[in-house]
Amino acid sequence: MKNFLFTLAAIFIAALHSYAQKINLPEGTRKSDLPVVYLPDSLSVHFISPEPIQYVDISSKSIVGDLPVKNVLRIRYRSDSSKIAGREAIVTIAGEKFLAQYRIEWSASDGGPSNLK
């Protein structure tokens, strides 16, 4: 009888513990919620950070970036990527106390959104 009660209590505690792990899970950020930056083929875009940039992640190989100054990120499309499909990317910029993410989309050369999707 003791073994049965001990097993029943262990199952009950395990069930409560596994339920507790499912409460208050973070939802995260959706890609569609990120601010959109339109990037034409012929131009570069500069991001100015409020503090020195420590880390940058560009999720596409068709976009190249550099840091000309400690708090400025410059991105542009690679010159050999003009025929690559799927020219959308996510850019993450991180400083010591600052983190920003942007969704980069290709645009026509006028700098506005493209109707060629």
PDB file of N, CA and C in Angstrom:
ATOM      1  N   MET A   1       0.816  -1.190   0.000  1.00  0.00           N
ATOM      2  CA  MET A   1       0.000   0.000   0.000  1.00  0.00           C
ATOM      3  C   MET A   1       0.865   1.261   0.000  1.00  0.00           C
ATOM      4  N   LYS A   2       1.996   1.222   0.767  1.00  0.00           N
ATOM      5  CA  LYS A   2       2.883   2.364   0.795  1.00  0.00           C
ATOM      6  C   LYS A   2       3.455   2.634  -0.597  1.00  0.00           C
ATOM      7  N   ASN A   3       3.822   1.573  -1.314  1.00  0.00           N
ATOM      8  CA  ASN A   3       4.368   1.744  -2.662  1.00  0.00           C
ATOM      9  C   ASN A   3       3.326   2.363  -3.593  1.00  0.00           C
ATOM     10  N   PHE A   4       2.092   1.943  -3.456  1.00  0.00           N
ATOM     11  CA  PHE A   4       1.025   2.487  -4.297  1.00  0.00           C
ATOM     12  C   PHE A   4       0.825   3.978  -4.020  1.00  0.00           C
ATOM     13  N   LEU A   5       0.763   4.375  -2.740  1.00  0.00           N
ATOM     14  CA  LEU A   5       0.603   5.785  -2.389  1.00  0.00           C
ATOM     15  C   LEU A   5       1.813   6.615  -2.820  1.00  0.00           C
ATOM     16  N   PHE A   6       3.007   6.060  -2.649  1.00  0.00           N
ATOM     17  CA  PHE A   6       4.207   6.760  -3.068  1.00  0.00           C
ATOM     18  C   PHE A   6       4.206   6.973  -4.585  1.00  0.00           C
ATOM     19  N   THR A   7       3.834   5.947  -5.345  1.00  0.00           N
ATOM     20  CA  THR A   7       3.770   6.052  -6.809  1.00  0.00           C
ATOM     21  C   THR A   7       2.712   7.057  -7.226  1.00  0.00           C
ATOM     22  N   LEU A   8       1.558   7.035  -6.580  1.00  0.00           N
ATOM     23  CA  LEU A   8       0.478   7.973  -6.893  1.00  0.00           C
ATOM     24  C   LEU A   8       0.913   9.416  -6.599  1.00  0.00           C
ATOM     25  N   ALA A   9       1.586   9.626  -5.482  1.00  0.00           N
ATOM     26  CA  ALA A   9       2.072  10.965  -5.140  1.00  0.00           C
ATOM     27  C   ALA A   9       3.140  11.423  -6.139  1.00  0.00           C
ATOM     28  N   ALA A  10       4.019  10.534  -6.551  1.00  0.00           N
ATOM     29  CA  ALA A  10       5.059  10.886  -7.514  1.00  0.00           C
ATOM     30  C   ALA A  10       4.448  11.276  -8.857  1.00  0.00           C
ATOM     31  N   ILE A  11       3.433  10.557  -9.291  1.00  0.00           N
ATOM     32  CA  ILE A  11       2.749  10.882 -10.554  1.00  0.00           C
ATOM     33  C   ILE A  11       2.051  12.230 -10.437  1.00  0.00           C
ATOM     34  N   PHE A  12       1.422  12.495  -9.307  1.00  0.00           N
ATOM     35  CA  PHE A  12       0.723  13.757  -9.091  1.00  0.00           C
ATOM     36  C   PHE A  12       1.703  14.934  -9.117  1.00  0.00           C
ATOM     37  N   ILE A  13       2.827  14.777  -8.432  1.00  0.00           N
ATOM     38  CA  ILE A  13       3.838  15.845  -8.400  1.00  0.00           C
ATOM     39  C   ILE A  13       4.448  16.053  -9.787  1.00  0.00           C
ATOM     40  N   ALA A  14       4.703  14.977 -10.503  1.00  0.00           N
ATOM     41  CA  ALA A  14       5.252  15.094 -11.860  1.00  0.00           C
ATOM     42  C   ALA A  14       4.258  15.793 -12.788  1.00  0.00           C
ATOM     43  N   ALA A  15       2.967  15.502 -12.619  1.00  0.00           N
ATOM     44  CA  ALA A  15       1.956  16.152 -13.454  1.00  0.00           C
ATOM     45  C   ALA A  15       1.888  17.640 -13.159  1.00  0.00           C
ATOM     46  N   LEU A  16       1.965  18.035 -11.885  1.00  0.00           N
ATOM     47  CA  LEU A  16       1.963  19.451 -11.543  1.00  0.00           C
ATOM     48  C   LEU A  16       3.211  20.142 -12.065  1.00  0.00           C
ATOM     49  N   HIS A  17       4.342  19.467 -11.961  1.00  0.00           N
ATOM     50  CA  HIS A  17       5.595  20.053 -12.419  1.00  0.00           C
ATOM     51  C   HIS A  17       5.578  20.266 -13.935  1.00  0.00           C
ATOM     52  N   SER A  18       5.095  19.322 -14.696  1.00  0.00           N
ATOM     53  CA  SER A  18       5.075  19.482 -16.155  1.00  0.00           C
ATOM     54  C   SER A  18       4.064  20.540 -16.577  1.00  0.00           C
ATOM     55  N   TYR A  19       2.985  20.703 -15.837  1.00  0.00           N
ATOM     56  CA  TYR A  19       2.015  21.756 -16.140  1.00  0.00           C
ATOM     57  C   TYR A  19       2.616  23.130 -15.843  1.00  0.00           C
ATOM     58  N   ALA A  20       3.407  23.220 -14.800  1.00  0.00           N
ATOM     59  CA  ALA A  20       4.004  24.498 -14.420  1.00  0.00           C
ATOM     60  C   ALA A  20       4.994  24.980 -15.475  1.00  0.00           C
ATOM     61  N   GLN A  21       5.609  24.086 -16.207  1.00  0.00           N
ATOM     62  CA  GLN A  21       6.567  24.492 -17.231  1.00  0.00           C
ATOM     63  C   GLN A  21       5.892  25.143 -18.430  1.00  0.00           C
ATOM     64  N   LYS A  22       4.607  24.930 -18.622  1.00  0.00           N
ATOM     65  CA  LYS A  22       3.895  25.465 -19.772  1.00  0.00           C
ATOM     66  C   LYS A  22       3.275  26.832 -19.512  1.00  0.00           C
ATOM     67  N   ILE A  23       3.360  27.326 -18.303  1.00  0.00           N
ATOM     68  CA  ILE A  23       2.768  28.616 -17.964  1.00  0.00           C
ATOM     69  C   ILE A  23       3.769  29.728 -18.273  1.00  0.00           C
ATOM     70  N   ASN A  24       3.263  30.850 -18.775  1.00  0.00           N
ATOM     71  CA  ASN A  24       4.053  32.055 -19.015  1.00  0.00           C
ATOM     72  C   ASN A  24       5.194  31.867 -20.013  1.00  0.00           C
ATOM     73  N   LEU A  25       4.969  31.112 -21.073  1.00  0.00           N
ATOM     74  CA  LEU A  25       5.979  31.009 -22.113  1.00  0.00           C
ATOM     75  C   LEU A  25       6.002  32.292 -22.919  1.00  0.00           C
ATOM     76  N   PRO A  26       7.166  32.802 -23.253  1.00  0.00           N
ATOM     77  CA  PRO A  26       7.222  34.034 -24.052  1.00  0.00           C
ATOM     78  C   PRO A  26       6.742  33.766 -25.468  1.00  0.00           C
ATOM     79  N   GLU A  27       6.046  34.748 -26.028  1.00  0.00           N
ATOM     80  CA  GLU A  27       5.524  34.591 -27.369  1.00  0.00           C
ATOM     81  C   GLU A  27       6.563  34.906 -28.428  1.00  0.00           C
ATOM     82  N   GLY A  28       7.509  35.746 -28.133  1.00  0.00           N
ATOM     83  CA  GLY A  28       8.525  36.107 -29.108  1.00  0.00           C
ATOM     84  C   GLY A  28       8.041  37.196 -30.049  1.00  0.00           C
ATOM     85  N   THR A  29       8.866  37.513 -31.015  1.00  0.00           N
ATOM     86  CA  THR A  29       8.550  38.540 -31.992  1.00  0.00           C
ATOM     87  C   THR A  29       8.335  37.886 -33.339  1.00  0.00           C
ATOM     88  N   ARG A  30       7.278  38.271 -33.992  1.00  0.00           N
ATOM     89  CA  ARG A  30       7.016  37.743 -35.328  1.00  0.00           C
ATOM     90  C   ARG A  30       7.768  38.570 -36.358  1.00  0.00           C
ATOM     91  N   LYS A  31       8.131  37.920 -37.437  1.00  0.00           N
ATOM     92  CA  LYS A  31       8.835  38.595 -38.515  1.00  0.00           C
ATOM     93  C   LYS A  31       8.002  39.733 -39.092  1.00  0.00           C
ATOM     94  N   SER A  32       6.691  39.543 -39.143  1.00  0.00           N
ATOM     95  CA  SER A  32       5.807  40.576 -39.702  1.00  0.00           C
ATOM     96  C   SER A  32       5.692  41.799 -38.789  1.00  0.00           C
ATOM     97  N   ASP A  33       6.079  41.676 -37.520  1.00  0.00           N
ATOM     98  CA  ASP A  33       6.016  42.800 -36.584  1.00  0.00           C
ATOM     99  C   ASP A  33       7.246  43.701 -36.644  1.00  0.00           C
ATOM    100  N   LEU A  34       8.299  43.248 -37.305  1.00  0.00           N
ATOM    101  CA  LEU A  34       9.526  44.042 -37.366  1.00  0.00           C
ATOM    102  C   LEU A  34       9.353  45.229 -38.306  1.00  0.00           C
ATOM    103  N   PRO A  35      10.013  46.348 -38.010  1.00  0.00           N
ATOM    104  CA  PRO A  35       9.957  47.495 -38.929  1.00  0.00           C
ATOM    105  C   PRO A  35      10.638  47.139 -40.249  1.00  0.00           C
ATOM    106  N   VAL A  36      10.042  47.598 -41.343  1.00  0.00           N
ATOM    107  CA  VAL A  36      10.540  47.277 -42.681  1.00  0.00           C
ATOM    108  C   VAL A  36      11.435  48.405 -43.188  1.00  0.00           C
ATOM    109  N   VAL A  37      12.577  48.033 -43.742  1.00  0.00           N
ATOM    110  CA  VAL A  37      13.481  48.967 -44.402  1.00  0.00           C
ATOM    111  C   VAL A  37      13.607  48.500 -45.847  1.00  0.00           C
ATOM    112  N   TYR A  38      13.295  49.395 -46.787  1.00  0.00           N
ATOM    113  CA  TYR A  38      13.371  49.059 -48.203  1.00  0.00           C
ATOM    114  C   TYR A  38      14.763  49.392 -48.715  1.00  0.00           C
ATOM    115  N   LEU A  39      15.385  48.428 -49.365  1.00  0.00           N
ATOM    116  CA  LEU A  39      16.762  48.568 -49.829  1.00  0.00           C
ATOM    117  C   LEU A  39      16.815  48.383 -51.338  1.00  0.00           C
ATOM    118  N   PRO A  40      17.059  49.458 -52.083  1.00  0.00           N
ATOM    119  CA  PRO A  40      17.205  49.330 -53.539  1.00  0.00           C
ATOM    120  C   PRO A  40      18.578  48.766 -53.914  1.00  0.00           C
ATOM    121  N   ASP A  41      18.697  48.293 -55.150  1.00  0.00           N
ATOM    122  CA  ASP A  41      19.964  47.729 -55.630  1.00  0.00           C
ATOM    123  C   ASP A  41      21.089  48.750 -55.649  1.00  0.00           C
ATOM    124  N   SER A  42      20.783  49.951 -56.036  1.00  0.00           N
ATOM    125  CA  SER A  42      21.828  50.928 -56.329  1.00  0.00           C
ATOM    126  C   SER A  42      22.246  51.782 -55.134  1.00  0.00           C
ATOM    127  N   LEU A  43      21.628  51.597 -53.980  1.00  0.00           N
ATOM    128  CA  LEU A  43      21.930  52.448 -52.826  1.00  0.00           C
ATOM    129  C   LEU A  43      22.366  51.627 -51.627  1.00  0.00           C
ATOM    130  N   SER A  44      22.961  52.296 -50.669  1.00  0.00           N
ATOM    131  CA  SER A  44      23.242  51.677 -49.374  1.00  0.00           C
ATOM    132  C   SER A  44      22.382  52.373 -48.327  1.00  0.00           C
ATOM    133  N   VAL A  45      22.129  51.665 -47.243  1.00  0.00           N
ATOM    134  CA  VAL A  45      21.328  52.204 -46.139  1.00  0.00           C
ATOM    135  C   VAL A  45      22.208  52.203 -44.900  1.00  0.00           C
ATOM    136  N   HIS A  46      22.136  53.300 -44.130  1.00  0.00           N
ATOM    137  CA  HIS A  46      22.917  53.439 -42.905  1.00  0.00           C
ATOM    138  C   HIS A  46      21.994  53.377 -41.697  1.00  0.00           C
ATOM    139  N   PHE A  47      22.383  52.606 -40.694  1.00  0.00           N
ATOM    140  CA  PHE A  47      21.684  52.540 -39.411  1.00  0.00           C
ATOM    141  C   PHE A  47      22.581  53.208 -38.378  1.00  0.00           C
ATOM    142  N   ILE A  48      22.032  54.165 -37.651  1.00  0.00           N
ATOM    143  CA  ILE A  48      22.798  54.861 -36.617  1.00  0.00           C
ATOM    144  C   ILE A  48      22.330  54.358 -35.257  1.00  0.00           C
ATOM    145  N   SER A  49      23.247  53.843 -34.490  1.00  0.00           N
ATOM    146  CA  SER A  49      22.954  53.280 -33.175  1.00  0.00           C
ATOM    147  C   SER A  49      23.199  54.332 -32.094  1.00  0.00           C
ATOM    148  N   PRO A  50      22.440  54.300 -30.992  1.00  0.00           N
ATOM    149  CA  PRO A  50      22.665  55.255 -29.910  1.00  0.00           C
ATOM    150  C   PRO A  50      23.951  54.985 -29.122  1.00  0.00           C
ATOM    151  N   GLU A  51      24.587  53.853 -29.375  1.00  0.00           N
ATOM    152  CA  GLU A  51      25.834  53.501 -28.693  1.00  0.00           C
ATOM    153  C   GLU A  51      26.696  52.683 -29.656  1.00  0.00           C
ATOM    154  N   PRO A  52      27.952  52.419 -29.333  1.00  0.00           N
ATOM    155  CA  PRO A  52      28.791  51.621 -30.231  1.00  0.00           C
ATOM    156  C   PRO A  52      28.192  50.237 -30.493  1.00  0.00           C
ATOM    157  N   ILE A  53      28.242  49.817 -31.745  1.00  0.00           N
ATOM    158  CA  ILE A  53      27.687  48.523 -32.148  1.00  0.00           C
ATOM    159  C   ILE A  53      28.703  47.439 -31.820  1.00  0.00           C
ATOM    160  N   GLN A  54      28.241  46.393 -31.138  1.00  0.00           N
ATOM    161  CA  GLN A  54      29.120  45.297 -30.766  1.00  0.00           C
ATOM    162  C   GLN A  54      28.932  44.073 -31.650  1.00  0.00           C
ATOM    163  N   TYR A  55      27.731  43.906 -32.204  1.00  0.00           N
ATOM    164  CA  TYR A  55      27.432  42.696 -32.958  1.00  0.00           C
ATOM    165  C   TYR A  55      26.384  43.010 -34.014  1.00  0.00           C
ATOM    166  N   VAL A  56      26.543  42.445 -35.203  1.00  0.00           N
ATOM    167  CA  VAL A  56      25.573  42.583 -36.287  1.00  0.00           C
ATOM    168  C   VAL A  56      25.366  41.220 -36.908  1.00  0.00           C
ATOM    169  N   ASP A  57      24.105  40.869 -37.170  1.00  0.00           N
ATOM    170  CA  ASP A  57      23.784  39.633 -37.867  1.00  0.00           C
ATOM    171  C   ASP A  57      22.899  39.975 -39.054  1.00  0.00           C
ATOM    172  N   ILE A  58      23.313  39.561 -40.240  1.00  0.00           N
ATOM    173  CA  ILE A  58      22.532  39.742 -41.461  1.00  0.00           C
ATOM    174  C   ILE A  58      22.170  38.351 -41.950  1.00  0.00           C
ATOM    175  N   SER A  59      20.865  38.064 -42.052  1.00  0.00           N
ATOM    176  CA  SER A  59      20.422  36.701 -42.310  1.00  0.00           C
ATOM    177  C   SER A  59      20.476  36.277 -43.772  1.00  0.00           C
ATOM    178  N   SER A  60      20.964  37.104 -44.657  1.00  0.00           N
ATOM    179  CA  SER A  60      21.013  36.765 -46.078  1.00  0.00           C
ATOM    180  C   SER A  60      22.416  36.987 -46.616  1.00  0.00           C
ATOM    181  N   LYS A  61      22.844  36.092 -47.474  1.00  0.00           N
ATOM    182  CA  LYS A  61      24.159  36.244 -48.096  1.00  0.00           C
ATOM    183  C   LYS A  61      24.138  37.255 -49.224  1.00  0.00           C
ATOM    184  N   SER A  62      22.951  37.685 -49.641  1.00  0.00           N
ATOM    185  CA  SER A  62      22.879  38.660 -50.734  1.00  0.00           C
ATOM    186  C   SER A  62      23.081  40.091 -50.248  1.00  0.00           C
ATOM    187  N   ILE A  63      23.148  40.289 -48.931  1.00  0.00           N
ATOM    188  CA  ILE A  63      23.373  41.621 -48.364  1.00  0.00           C
ATOM    189  C   ILE A  63      24.710  41.616 -47.638  1.00  0.00           C
ATOM    190  N   VAL A  64      25.472  42.666 -47.858  1.00  0.00           N
ATOM    191  CA  VAL A  64      26.762  42.814 -47.201  1.00  0.00           C
ATOM    192  C   VAL A  64      26.724  44.089 -46.363  1.00  0.00           C
ATOM    193  N   GLY A  65      27.421  44.080 -45.237  1.00  0.00           N
ATOM    194  CA  GLY A  65      27.431  45.253 -44.367  1.00  0.00           C
ATOM    195  C   GLY A  65      28.811  45.489 -43.779  1.00  0.00           C
ATOM    196  N   ASP A  66      29.020  46.706 -43.327  1.00  0.00           N
ATOM    197  CA  ASP A  66      30.254  47.037 -42.642  1.00  0.00           C
ATOM    198  C   ASP A  66      29.977  48.133 -41.619  1.00  0.00           C
ATOM    199  N   LEU A  67      30.968  48.372 -40.770  1.00  0.00           N
ATOM    200  CA  LEU A  67      30.875  49.396 -39.723  1.00  0.00           C
ATOM    201  C   LEU A  67      31.914  50.478 -40.012  1.00  0.00           C
ATOM    202  N   PRO A  68      31.548  51.528 -40.773  1.00  0.00           N
ATOM    203  CA  PRO A  68      32.521  52.577 -41.074  1.00  0.00           C
ATOM    204  C   PRO A  68      32.900  53.407 -39.851  1.00  0.00           C
ATOM    205  N   VAL A  69      31.988  53.499 -38.890  1.00  0.00           N
ATOM    206  CA  VAL A  69      32.212  54.204 -37.627  1.00  0.00           C
ATOM    207  C   VAL A  69      31.658  53.298 -36.531  1.00  0.00           C
ATOM    208  N   LYS A  70      32.054  53.498 -35.275  1.00  0.00           N
ATOM    209  CA  LYS A  70      31.660  52.600 -34.188  1.00  0.00           C
ATOM    210  C   LYS A  70      30.152  52.443 -34.018  1.00  0.00           C
ATOM    211  N   ASN A  71      29.367  53.480 -34.344  1.00  0.00           N
ATOM    212  CA  ASN A  71      27.932  53.390 -34.119  1.00  0.00           C
ATOM    213  C   ASN A  71      27.112  53.475 -35.409  1.00  0.00           C
ATOM    214  N   VAL A  72      27.719  53.169 -36.547  1.00  0.00           N
ATOM    215  CA  VAL A  72      27.016  53.221 -37.833  1.00  0.00           C
ATOM    216  C   VAL A  72      27.195  51.887 -38.560  1.00  0.00           C
ATOM    217  N   LEU A  73      26.080  51.300 -38.991  1.00  0.00           N
ATOM    218  CA  LEU A  73      26.095  50.100 -39.818  1.00  0.00           C
ATOM    219  C   LEU A  73      25.640  50.492 -41.218  1.00  0.00           C
ATOM    220  N   ARG A  74      26.402  50.089 -42.226  1.00  0.00           N
ATOM    221  CA  ARG A  74      26.059  50.366 -43.616  1.00  0.00           C
ATOM    222  C   ARG A  74      25.815  49.027 -44.309  1.00  0.00           C
ATOM    223  N   ILE A  75      24.642  48.907 -44.977  1.00  0.00           N
ATOM    224  CA  ILE A  75      24.335  47.683 -45.710  1.00  0.00           C
ATOM    225  C   ILE A  75      24.000  48.018 -47.159  1.00  0.00           C
ATOM    226  N   ARG A  76      24.225  47.043 -48.032  1.00  0.00           N
ATOM    227  CA  ARG A  76      23.852  47.156 -49.442  1.00  0.00           C
ATOM    228  C   ARG A  76      23.763  45.746 -50.001  1.00  0.00           C
ATOM    229  N   TYR A  77      23.136  45.623 -51.175  1.00  0.00           N
ATOM    230  CA  TYR A  77      23.120  44.336 -51.859  1.00  0.00           C
ATOM    231  C   TYR A  77      24.470  44.093 -52.511  1.00  0.00           C
ATOM    232  N   ARG A  78      24.892  42.843 -52.520  1.00  0.00           N
ATOM    233  CA  ARG A  78      26.122  42.490 -53.227  1.00  0.00           C
ATOM    234  C   ARG A  78      25.930  42.765 -54.711  1.00  0.00           C
ATOM    235  N   SER A  79      26.977  43.132 -55.374  1.00  0.00           N
ATOM    236  CA  SER A  79      26.870  43.442 -56.800  1.00  0.00           C
ATOM    237  C   SER A  79      26.550  42.204 -57.628  1.00  0.00           C
ATOM    238  N   ASP A  80      26.918  41.015 -57.143  1.00  0.00           N
ATOM    239  CA  ASP A  80      26.634  39.790 -57.887  1.00  0.00           C
ATOM    240  C   ASP A  80      25.320  39.132 -57.478  1.00  0.00           C
ATOM    241  N   SER A  81      24.503  39.805 -56.674  1.00  0.00           N
ATOM    242  CA  SER A  81      23.266  39.194 -56.181  1.00  0.00           C
ATOM    243  C   SER A  81      22.020  39.749 -56.856  1.00  0.00           C
ATOM    244  N   SER A  82      22.168  40.397 -58.005  1.00  0.00           N
ATOM    245  CA  SER A  82      21.015  41.043 -58.624  1.00  0.00           C
ATOM    246  C   SER A  82      19.988  40.047 -59.141  1.00  0.00           C
ATOM    247  N   LYS A  83      20.374  38.805 -59.372  1.00  0.00           N
ATOM    248  CA  LYS A  83      19.436  37.828 -59.909  1.00  0.00           C
ATOM    249  C   LYS A  83      19.027  36.784 -58.875  1.00  0.00           C
ATOM    250  N   ILE A  84      19.381  36.990 -57.636  1.00  0.00           N
ATOM    251  CA  ILE A  84      19.034  36.040 -56.579  1.00  0.00           C
ATOM    252  C   ILE A  84      17.594  36.256 -56.147  1.00  0.00           C
ATOM    253  N   ALA A  85      16.820  35.184 -56.106  1.00  0.00           N
ATOM    254  CA  ALA A  85      15.437  35.280 -55.643  1.00  0.00           C
ATOM    255  C   ALA A  85      15.416  35.304 -54.120  1.00  0.00           C
ATOM    256  N   GLY A  86      14.342  35.797 -53.549  1.00  0.00           N
ATOM    257  CA  GLY A  86      14.209  35.842 -52.094  1.00  0.00           C
ATOM    258  C   GLY A  86      15.159  36.831 -51.471  1.00  0.00           C
ATOM    259  N   ARG A  87      15.039  38.080 -51.816  1.00  0.00           N
ATOM    260  CA  ARG A  87      15.971  39.103 -51.360  1.00  0.00           C
ATOM    261  C   ARG A  87      15.477  39.790 -50.097  1.00  0.00           C
ATOM    262  N   GLU A  88      14.867  39.034 -49.243  1.00  0.00           N
ATOM    263  CA  GLU A  88      14.404  39.546 -47.958  1.00  0.00           C
ATOM    264  C   GLU A  88      15.354  39.050 -46.877  1.00  0.00           C
ATOM    265  N   ALA A  89      15.597  39.863 -45.859  1.00  0.00           N
ATOM    266  CA  ALA A  89      16.533  39.488 -44.805  1.00  0.00           C
ATOM    267  C   ALA A  89      16.109  40.127 -43.487  1.00  0.00           C
ATOM    268  N   ILE A  90      16.674  39.627 -42.420  1.00  0.00           N
ATOM    269  CA  ILE A  90      16.527  40.211 -41.088  1.00  0.00           C
ATOM    270  C   ILE A  90      17.905  40.696 -40.660  1.00  0.00           C
ATOM    271  N   VAL A  91      17.979  41.940 -40.199  1.00  0.00           N
ATOM    272  CA  VAL A  91      19.229  42.506 -39.698  1.00  0.00           C
ATOM    273  C   VAL A  91      19.068  42.748 -38.203  1.00  0.00           C
ATOM    274  N   THR A  92      19.987  42.213 -37.428  1.00  0.00           N
ATOM    275  CA  THR A  92      19.992  42.406 -35.976  1.00  0.00           C
ATOM    276  C   THR A  92      21.218  43.241 -35.618  1.00  0.00           C
ATOM    277  N   ILE A  93      20.988  44.313 -34.877  1.00  0.00           N
ATOM    278  CA  ILE A  93      22.053  45.207 -34.447  1.00  0.00           C
ATOM    279  C   ILE A  93      22.058  45.215 -32.922  1.00  0.00           C
ATOM    280  N   ALA A  94      23.206  44.905 -32.314  1.00  0.00           N
ATOM    281  CA  ALA A  94      23.282  44.839 -30.852  1.00  0.00           C
ATOM    282  C   ALA A  94      24.422  45.699 -30.339  1.00  0.00           C
ATOM    283  N   GLY A  95      24.110  46.439 -29.294  1.00  0.00           N
ATOM    284  CA  GLY A  95      25.110  47.184 -28.538  1.00  0.00           C
ATOM    285  C   GLY A  95      25.139  46.630 -27.132  1.00  0.00           C
ATOM    286  N   GLU A  96      25.747  47.360 -26.223  1.00  0.00           N
ATOM    287  CA  GLU A  96      25.800  46.879 -24.841  1.00  0.00           C
ATOM    288  C   GLU A  96      24.423  46.881 -24.189  1.00  0.00           C
ATOM    289  N   LYS A  97      23.633  47.922 -24.416  1.00  0.00           N
ATOM    290  CA  LYS A  97      22.302  48.032 -23.818  1.00  0.00           C
ATOM    291  C   LYS A  97      21.231  48.254 -24.875  1.00  0.00           C
ATOM    292  N   PHE A  98      21.525  47.939 -26.109  1.00  0.00           N
ATOM    293  CA  PHE A  98      20.642  48.270 -27.217  1.00  0.00           C
ATOM    294  C   PHE A  98      20.556  47.085 -28.158  1.00  0.00           C
ATOM    295  N   LEU A  99      19.341  46.741 -28.583  1.00  0.00           N
ATOM    296  CA  LEU A  99      19.124  45.675 -29.551  1.00  0.00           C
ATOM    297  C   LEU A  99      18.008  46.104 -30.486  1.00  0.00           C
ATOM    298  N   ALA A 100      18.242  45.997 -31.786  1.00  0.00           N
ATOM    299  CA  ALA A 100      17.229  46.352 -32.773  1.00  0.00           C
ATOM    300  C   ALA A 100      17.241  45.321 -33.885  1.00  0.00           C
ATOM    301  N   GLN A 101      16.050  45.026 -34.412  1.00  0.00           N
ATOM    302  CA  GLN A 101      15.920  44.124 -35.545  1.00  0.00           C
ATOM    303  C   GLN A 101      15.070  44.798 -36.601  1.00  0.00           C
ATOM    304  N   TYR A 102      15.458  44.611 -37.852  1.00  0.00           N
ATOM    305  CA  TYR A 102      14.747  45.190 -38.978  1.00  0.00           C
ATOM    306  C   TYR A 102      14.556  44.131 -40.046  1.00  0.00           C
ATOM    307  N   ARG A 103      13.453  44.233 -40.766  1.00  0.00           N
ATOM    308  CA  ARG A 103      13.200  43.365 -41.911  1.00  0.00           C
ATOM    309  C   ARG A 103      13.584  44.150 -43.153  1.00  0.00           C
ATOM    310  N   ILE A 104      14.520  43.622 -43.922  1.00  0.00           N
ATOM    311  CA  ILE A 104      15.006  44.283 -45.127  1.00  0.00           C
ATOM    312  C   ILE A 104      14.276  43.681 -46.325  1.00  0.00           C
ATOM    313  N   GLU A 105      13.697  44.535 -47.147  1.00  0.00           N
ATOM    314  CA  GLU A 105      13.021  44.086 -48.358  1.00  0.00           C
ATOM    315  C   GLU A 105      13.571  44.840 -49.559  1.00  0.00           C
ATOM    316  N   TRP A 106      13.622  44.139 -50.675  1.00  0.00           N
ATOM    317  CA  TRP A 106      14.080  44.754 -51.916  1.00  0.00           C
ATOM    318  C   TRP A 106      13.057  45.766 -52.369  1.00  0.00           C
ATOM    319  N   SER A 107      13.509  46.843 -52.982  1.00  0.00           N
ATOM    320  CA  SER A 107      12.588  47.843 -53.511  1.00  0.00           C
ATOM    321  C   SER A 107      13.063  48.283 -54.883  1.00  0.00           C
ATOM    322  N   ALA A 108      12.176  48.951 -55.578  1.00  0.00           N
ATOM    323  CA  ALA A 108      12.548  49.546 -56.847  1.00  0.00           C
ATOM    324  C   ALA A 108      13.571  50.648 -56.579  1.00  0.00           C
ATOM    325  N   SER A 109      14.216  51.155 -57.605  1.00  0.00           N
ATOM    326  CA  SER A 109      15.311  52.103 -57.415  1.00  0.00           C
ATOM    327  C   SER A 109      14.870  53.446 -56.842  1.00  0.00           C
ATOM    328  N   ASP A 110      13.558  53.711 -56.773  1.00  0.00           N
ATOM    329  CA  ASP A 110      13.107  54.985 -56.207  1.00  0.00           C
ATOM    330  C   ASP A 110      13.087  54.979 -54.686  1.00  0.00           C
ATOM    331  N   GLY A 111      13.373  53.827 -54.048  1.00  0.00           N
ATOM    332  CA  GLY A 111      13.446  53.767 -52.592  1.00  0.00           C
ATOM    333  C   GLY A 111      12.132  53.399 -51.933  1.00  0.00           C
ATOM    334  N   GLY A 112      11.069  53.209 -52.686  1.00  0.00           N
ATOM    335  CA  GLY A 112       9.788  52.820 -52.102  1.00  0.00           C
ATOM    336  C   GLY A 112       9.526  51.351 -52.255  1.00  0.00           C
ATOM    337  N   PRO A 113       8.400  50.878 -51.724  1.00  0.00           N
ATOM    338  CA  PRO A 113       8.109  49.454 -51.826  1.00  0.00           C
ATOM    339  C   PRO A 113       7.892  49.033 -53.280  1.00  0.00           C
ATOM    340  N   SER A 114       8.247  47.819 -53.568  1.00  0.00           N
ATOM    341  CA  SER A 114       8.137  47.302 -54.930  1.00  0.00           C
ATOM    342  C   SER A 114       6.808  46.598 -55.130  1.00  0.00           C
ATOM    343  N   ASN A 115       6.266  46.678 -56.325  1.00  0.00           N
ATOM    344  CA  ASN A 115       5.052  45.958 -56.678  1.00  0.00           C
ATOM    345  C   ASN A 115       5.386  44.700 -57.461  1.00  0.00           C
ATOM    346  N   LEU A 116       6.631  44.308 -57.499  1.00  0.00           N
ATOM    347  CA  LEU A 116       7.072  43.178 -58.321  1.00  0.00           C
ATOM    348  C   LEU A 116       7.256  41.915 -57.503  1.00  0.00           C
ATOM    349  N   LYS A 117       6.387  41.606 -56.588  1.00  0.00           N
ATOM    350  CA  LYS A 117       6.564  40.423 -55.750  1.00  0.00           C
ATOM    351  C   LYS A 117       5.981  39.198 -56.359  1.00  0.00           C
TER     352      LYS A 117
END
